[in-house]
């Protein structure tokens, strides 16, 4: 069994209102020196295969078909196991 860790994040220049709100709130709580906060989604997908290439292909297809919007998001895939 292999595990794909898929990380989805907004492209540079795309507004991240969730990250901005977290930054403001942290500053209101007294945290100083925070340059920026970015929100990131992480999907963990366990696959019933031992073929790393197949797992990577499947994870890539998952991203292009459902998990990521290529217009505003970048993604990275790490296969473990």
C-alpha atoms as a PDB file:
ATOM      1  CA  UNK A   1       0.000   0.000   0.000  1.00  0.00           C
ATOM      2  CA  UNK A   2       1.247   3.477  -0.906  1.00  0.00           C
ATOM      3  CA  UNK A   3       0.170   6.866   0.343  1.00  0.00           C
ATOM      4  CA  UNK A   4      -0.030  10.035  -1.728  1.00  0.00           C
ATOM      5  CA  UNK A   5       0.271  13.333   0.077  1.00  0.00           C
ATOM      6  CA  UNK A   6      -1.211  15.981  -2.191  1.00  0.00           C
ATOM      7  CA  UNK A   7      -0.618  19.624  -1.280  1.00  0.00           C
ATOM      8  CA  UNK A   8      -2.786  22.293  -2.941  1.00  0.00           C
ATOM      9  CA  UNK A   9      -1.910  25.976  -2.609  1.00  0.00           C
ATOM     10  CA  UNK A  10      -2.892  29.207  -4.289  1.00  0.00           C
ATOM     11  CA  UNK A  11      -0.646  30.572  -7.003  1.00  0.00           C
ATOM     12  CA  UNK A  12       1.401  33.672  -6.289  1.00  0.00           C
ATOM     13  CA  UNK A  13      -0.729  36.786  -6.724  1.00  0.00           C
ATOM     14  CA  UNK A  14      -4.070  35.073  -6.019  1.00  0.00           C
ATOM     15  CA  UNK A  15      -5.890  36.569  -3.032  1.00  0.00           C
ATOM     16  CA  UNK A  16      -5.973  34.358   0.059  1.00  0.00           C
ATOM     17  CA  UNK A  17      -8.687  35.812   2.307  1.00  0.00           C
ATOM     18  CA  UNK A  18      -8.449  32.921   4.779  1.00  0.00           C
ATOM     19  CA  UNK A  19      -4.720  33.463   5.230  1.00  0.00           C
ATOM     20  CA  UNK A  20      -5.210  37.223   5.561  1.00  0.00           C
ATOM     21  CA  UNK A  21      -7.881  36.775   8.242  1.00  0.00           C
ATOM     22  CA  UNK A  22      -5.692  34.379  10.210  1.00  0.00           C
ATOM     23  CA  UNK A  23      -2.790  36.850  10.045  1.00  0.00           C
ATOM     24  CA  UNK A  24      -5.007  39.687  11.345  1.00  0.00           C
ATOM     25  CA  UNK A  25      -6.348  37.528  14.158  1.00  0.00           C
ATOM     26  CA  UNK A  26      -2.881  36.373  15.197  1.00  0.00           C
ATOM     27  CA  UNK A  27      -1.767  40.010  15.361  1.00  0.00           C
ATOM     28  CA  UNK A  28      -4.832  40.868  17.467  1.00  0.00           C
ATOM     29  CA  UNK A  29      -3.821  38.052  19.817  1.00  0.00           C
ATOM     30  CA  UNK A  30      -0.465  39.721  20.290  1.00  0.00           C
ATOM     31  CA  UNK A  31       1.761  37.772  17.902  1.00  0.00           C
ATOM     32  CA  UNK A  32       4.306  40.076  16.268  1.00  0.00           C
ATOM     33  CA  UNK A  33       6.588  39.788  13.299  1.00  0.00           C
ATOM     34  CA  UNK A  34       4.259  37.738  11.102  1.00  0.00           C
ATOM     35  CA  UNK A  35       5.083  38.587   7.493  1.00  0.00           C
ATOM     36  CA  UNK A  36       2.293  36.533   5.937  1.00  0.00           C
ATOM     37  CA  UNK A  37       0.009  33.531   6.394  1.00  0.00           C
ATOM     38  CA  UNK A  38      -1.071  31.260   3.554  1.00  0.00           C
ATOM     39  CA  UNK A  39      -3.772  28.614   3.577  1.00  0.00           C
ATOM     40  CA  UNK A  40      -2.914  25.201   2.125  1.00  0.00           C
ATOM     41  CA  UNK A  41      -5.040  22.094   1.596  1.00  0.00           C
ATOM     42  CA  UNK A  42      -3.569  18.655   2.172  1.00  0.00           C
ATOM     43  CA  UNK A  43      -5.142  15.449   0.925  1.00  0.00           C
ATOM     44  CA  UNK A  44      -3.870  12.064   2.104  1.00  0.00           C
ATOM     45  CA  UNK A  45      -4.861   9.278  -0.286  1.00  0.00           C
ATOM     46  CA  UNK A  46      -4.052   5.663   0.581  1.00  0.00           C
ATOM     47  CA  UNK A  47      -3.824   3.479  -2.524  1.00  0.00           C
ATOM     48  CA  UNK A  48      -3.920  -0.279  -2.705  1.00  0.00           C
ATOM     49  CA  UNK A  49      -0.877  -0.608  -4.940  1.00  0.00           C
ATOM     50  CA  UNK A  50       2.863  -1.109  -4.528  1.00  0.00           C
ATOM     51  CA  UNK A  51       3.670   0.483  -7.909  1.00  0.00           C
ATOM     52  CA  UNK A  52       5.039   3.975  -7.219  1.00  0.00           C
ATOM     53  CA  UNK A  53       4.643   5.088 -10.842  1.00  0.00           C
ATOM     54  CA  UNK A  54       0.998   3.988 -10.918  1.00  0.00           C
ATOM     55  CA  UNK A  55       0.334   5.778  -7.611  1.00  0.00           C
ATOM     56  CA  UNK A  56       1.958   8.965  -8.920  1.00  0.00           C
ATOM     57  CA  UNK A  57      -0.035   8.785 -12.176  1.00  0.00           C
ATOM     58  CA  UNK A  58      -3.280   8.272 -10.266  1.00  0.00           C
ATOM     59  CA  UNK A  59      -2.543  11.151  -7.885  1.00  0.00           C
ATOM     60  CA  UNK A  60      -1.704  13.424 -10.823  1.00  0.00           C
ATOM     61  CA  UNK A  61      -4.983  12.521 -12.505  1.00  0.00           C
ATOM     62  CA  UNK A  62      -6.889  13.154  -9.261  1.00  0.00           C
ATOM     63  CA  UNK A  63      -5.415  16.651  -9.165  1.00  0.00           C
ATOM     64  CA  UNK A  64      -6.196  17.505 -12.777  1.00  0.00           C
ATOM     65  CA  UNK A  65      -9.732  16.084 -12.665  1.00  0.00           C
ATOM     66  CA  UNK A  66     -10.932  17.170  -9.215  1.00  0.00           C
ATOM     67  CA  UNK A  67      -8.620  18.324  -6.458  1.00  0.00           C
ATOM     68  CA  UNK A  68      -6.908  21.384  -7.974  1.00  0.00           C
ATOM     69  CA  UNK A  69      -8.012  24.320 -10.105  1.00  0.00           C
ATOM     70  CA  UNK A  70      -5.005  24.881 -12.407  1.00  0.00           C
ATOM     71  CA  UNK A  71      -6.032  28.479 -13.075  1.00  0.00           C
ATOM     72  CA  UNK A  72      -5.482  29.604  -9.473  1.00  0.00           C
ATOM     73  CA  UNK A  73      -3.763  26.690  -7.700  1.00  0.00           C
ATOM     74  CA  UNK A  74      -0.483  24.787  -7.764  1.00  0.00           C
ATOM     75  CA  UNK A  75      -0.147  21.286  -6.409  1.00  0.00           C
ATOM     76  CA  UNK A  76       2.616  18.937  -5.393  1.00  0.00           C
ATOM     77  CA  UNK A  77       2.507  15.197  -4.854  1.00  0.00           C
ATOM     78  CA  UNK A  78       4.650  13.048  -2.563  1.00  0.00           C
ATOM     79  CA  UNK A  79       4.365   9.274  -2.638  1.00  0.00           C
ATOM     80  CA  UNK A  80       5.241   7.418   0.586  1.00  0.00           C
ATOM     81  CA  UNK A  81       5.289   3.839   1.711  1.00  0.00           C
END
